[in-house]
């Protein structure tokens, strides 16, 4: 069973959804190195969920 927090597949999907700043792309590919990175990754994950929801609604 995959834990949602350990699931990294969303990062690759999100990288292909839109363009990102170099810092965000590095964070998505390299991972968290501190508290600031963890906070930013959380923000990116929320943005990913919103974009994914919109994308799924458009496909229906």
N, C-alpha and C. Protein backbone atom coordinates (compact mmCIF):
# COMPACT_ATOMS: atom_id res chain seq x y z
N UNK A 1 0.84 -1.18 0.00
CA UNK A 1 0.00 0.00 0.00
C UNK A 1 0.88 1.24 0.00
N UNK A 2 0.60 2.16 -0.91
CA UNK A 2 1.41 3.37 -1.01
C UNK A 2 0.83 4.46 -0.12
N UNK A 3 1.69 5.03 0.69
CA UNK A 3 1.29 6.14 1.53
C UNK A 3 1.22 7.39 0.68
N UNK A 4 0.19 8.20 0.84
CA UNK A 4 0.02 9.41 0.03
C UNK A 4 1.22 10.33 0.14
N UNK A 5 1.82 10.41 1.31
CA UNK A 5 2.96 11.31 1.50
C UNK A 5 4.21 10.80 0.80
N UNK A 6 4.31 9.49 0.57
CA UNK A 6 5.47 8.93 -0.09
C UNK A 6 5.30 8.80 -1.60
N UNK A 7 4.11 9.11 -2.10
CA UNK A 7 3.82 8.99 -3.52
C UNK A 7 4.47 10.14 -4.28
N UNK A 8 5.44 9.83 -5.15
CA UNK A 8 6.18 10.85 -5.88
C UNK A 8 5.72 11.00 -7.32
N UNK A 9 4.74 10.20 -7.73
CA UNK A 9 4.29 10.24 -9.12
C UNK A 9 3.64 11.58 -9.46
N UNK A 10 3.05 12.26 -8.50
CA UNK A 10 2.42 13.54 -8.77
C UNK A 10 3.44 14.58 -9.19
N UNK A 11 4.65 14.47 -8.69
CA UNK A 11 5.68 15.46 -9.03
C UNK A 11 6.02 15.43 -10.52
N UNK A 12 6.19 14.24 -11.07
CA UNK A 12 6.49 14.12 -12.50
C UNK A 12 5.31 14.61 -13.33
N UNK A 13 4.12 14.26 -12.91
CA UNK A 13 2.91 14.69 -13.61
C UNK A 13 2.81 16.22 -13.58
N UNK A 14 3.07 16.81 -12.44
CA UNK A 14 2.97 18.26 -12.27
C UNK A 14 4.03 18.99 -13.10
N UNK A 15 5.22 18.42 -13.20
CA UNK A 15 6.28 19.04 -14.02
C UNK A 15 5.85 19.15 -15.48
N UNK A 16 5.06 18.20 -15.96
CA UNK A 16 4.61 18.21 -17.34
C UNK A 16 3.34 19.03 -17.57
N UNK A 17 2.67 19.43 -16.51
CA UNK A 17 1.41 20.17 -16.63
C UNK A 17 1.60 21.63 -17.03
N UNK A 18 2.65 22.25 -16.53
CA UNK A 18 2.86 23.68 -16.76
C UNK A 18 4.34 24.00 -16.59
N UNK A 19 4.70 25.23 -16.95
CA UNK A 19 6.10 25.63 -16.76
C UNK A 19 6.28 26.06 -15.29
N UNK A 20 7.48 25.84 -14.80
CA UNK A 20 7.80 26.14 -13.41
C UNK A 20 9.05 27.00 -13.34
N UNK A 21 9.19 27.70 -12.22
CA UNK A 21 10.43 28.44 -11.98
C UNK A 21 11.55 27.43 -11.79
N UNK A 22 12.78 27.83 -12.05
CA UNK A 22 13.90 26.89 -11.83
C UNK A 22 13.96 26.36 -10.39
N UNK A 23 13.63 27.19 -9.44
CA UNK A 23 13.67 26.75 -8.04
C UNK A 23 12.60 25.70 -7.76
N UNK A 24 11.40 25.91 -8.31
CA UNK A 24 10.33 24.93 -8.10
C UNK A 24 10.64 23.62 -8.82
N UNK A 25 11.18 23.71 -10.03
CA UNK A 25 11.53 22.50 -10.76
C UNK A 25 12.60 21.70 -10.01
N UNK A 26 13.58 22.41 -9.46
CA UNK A 26 14.64 21.75 -8.68
C UNK A 26 14.06 21.07 -7.44
N UNK A 27 13.11 21.75 -6.80
CA UNK A 27 12.47 21.18 -5.61
C UNK A 27 11.68 19.93 -5.97
N UNK A 28 10.94 19.99 -7.06
CA UNK A 28 10.13 18.84 -7.48
C UNK A 28 11.01 17.65 -7.88
N UNK A 29 12.15 17.91 -8.47
CA UNK A 29 13.04 16.83 -8.90
C UNK A 29 13.98 16.36 -7.80
N UNK A 30 14.44 17.29 -6.97
CA UNK A 30 15.47 16.97 -5.99
C UNK A 30 14.97 16.62 -4.61
N UNK A 31 13.84 17.17 -4.24
CA UNK A 31 13.30 16.88 -2.92
C UNK A 31 13.55 17.99 -1.92
N UNK A 32 13.03 17.77 -0.74
CA UNK A 32 13.04 18.75 0.34
C UNK A 32 14.37 18.72 1.09
N UNK A 33 14.88 19.92 1.38
CA UNK A 33 16.13 20.02 2.14
C UNK A 33 15.95 20.75 3.47
N UNK A 34 14.76 21.29 3.68
CA UNK A 34 14.51 22.02 4.92
C UNK A 34 13.05 22.38 5.06
N UNK A 35 12.75 23.15 6.11
CA UNK A 35 11.37 23.52 6.41
C UNK A 35 10.77 24.38 5.31
N UNK A 36 11.54 25.33 4.79
CA UNK A 36 11.04 26.20 3.72
C UNK A 36 10.68 25.38 2.48
N UNK A 37 11.52 24.42 2.15
CA UNK A 37 11.24 23.55 1.00
C UNK A 37 9.99 22.72 1.23
N UNK A 38 9.81 22.23 2.44
CA UNK A 38 8.63 21.41 2.76
C UNK A 38 7.37 22.24 2.61
N UNK A 39 7.42 23.48 3.08
CA UNK A 39 6.27 24.37 2.95
C UNK A 39 5.95 24.62 1.48
N UNK A 40 6.98 24.94 0.69
CA UNK A 40 6.78 25.22 -0.74
C UNK A 40 6.25 23.99 -1.47
N UNK A 41 6.76 22.82 -1.14
CA UNK A 41 6.29 21.59 -1.77
C UNK A 41 4.81 21.36 -1.46
N UNK A 42 4.41 21.69 -0.25
CA UNK A 42 3.00 21.58 0.11
C UNK A 42 2.14 22.52 -0.72
N UNK A 43 2.61 23.73 -0.94
CA UNK A 43 1.90 24.70 -1.78
C UNK A 43 1.80 24.18 -3.21
N UNK A 44 2.89 23.62 -3.73
CA UNK A 44 2.89 23.07 -5.08
C UNK A 44 1.93 21.89 -5.20
N UNK A 45 1.84 21.08 -4.17
CA UNK A 45 0.94 19.93 -4.20
C UNK A 45 -0.52 20.38 -4.25
N UNK A 46 -0.86 21.43 -3.51
CA UNK A 46 -2.22 21.96 -3.55
C UNK A 46 -2.52 22.50 -4.94
N UNK A 47 -1.56 23.21 -5.53
CA UNK A 47 -1.74 23.72 -6.90
C UNK A 47 -1.92 22.56 -7.88
N UNK A 48 -1.15 21.50 -7.71
CA UNK A 48 -1.28 20.31 -8.56
C UNK A 48 -2.68 19.72 -8.45
N UNK A 49 -3.18 19.58 -7.23
CA UNK A 49 -4.51 18.99 -7.03
C UNK A 49 -5.59 19.83 -7.71
N UNK A 50 -5.47 21.16 -7.65
CA UNK A 50 -6.44 22.03 -8.31
C UNK A 50 -6.38 21.87 -9.83
N UNK A 51 -5.17 21.87 -10.38
CA UNK A 51 -5.02 21.72 -11.83
C UNK A 51 -5.49 20.34 -12.29
N UNK A 52 -5.22 19.31 -11.52
CA UNK A 52 -5.64 17.96 -11.86
C UNK A 52 -7.16 17.86 -11.86
N UNK A 53 -7.81 18.49 -10.91
CA UNK A 53 -9.26 18.48 -10.83
C UNK A 53 -9.86 19.17 -12.06
N UNK A 54 -9.30 20.31 -12.44
CA UNK A 54 -9.77 21.04 -13.62
C UNK A 54 -9.56 20.20 -14.88
N UNK A 55 -8.39 19.58 -14.97
CA UNK A 55 -8.06 18.73 -16.13
C UNK A 55 -9.03 17.55 -16.22
N UNK A 56 -9.34 16.93 -15.11
CA UNK A 56 -10.27 15.80 -15.11
C UNK A 56 -11.68 16.22 -15.49
N UNK A 57 -12.09 17.41 -15.05
CA UNK A 57 -13.42 17.90 -15.39
C UNK A 57 -13.53 18.22 -16.88
N UNK A 58 -12.44 18.71 -17.49
CA UNK A 58 -12.46 19.04 -18.90
C UNK A 58 -12.50 17.78 -19.77
N UNK A 59 -11.97 16.68 -19.28
CA UNK A 59 -11.96 15.44 -20.03
C UNK A 59 -13.31 14.75 -20.01
N UNK A 60 -14.17 15.08 -19.08
CA UNK A 60 -15.48 14.43 -18.98
C UNK A 60 -16.49 15.04 -19.89
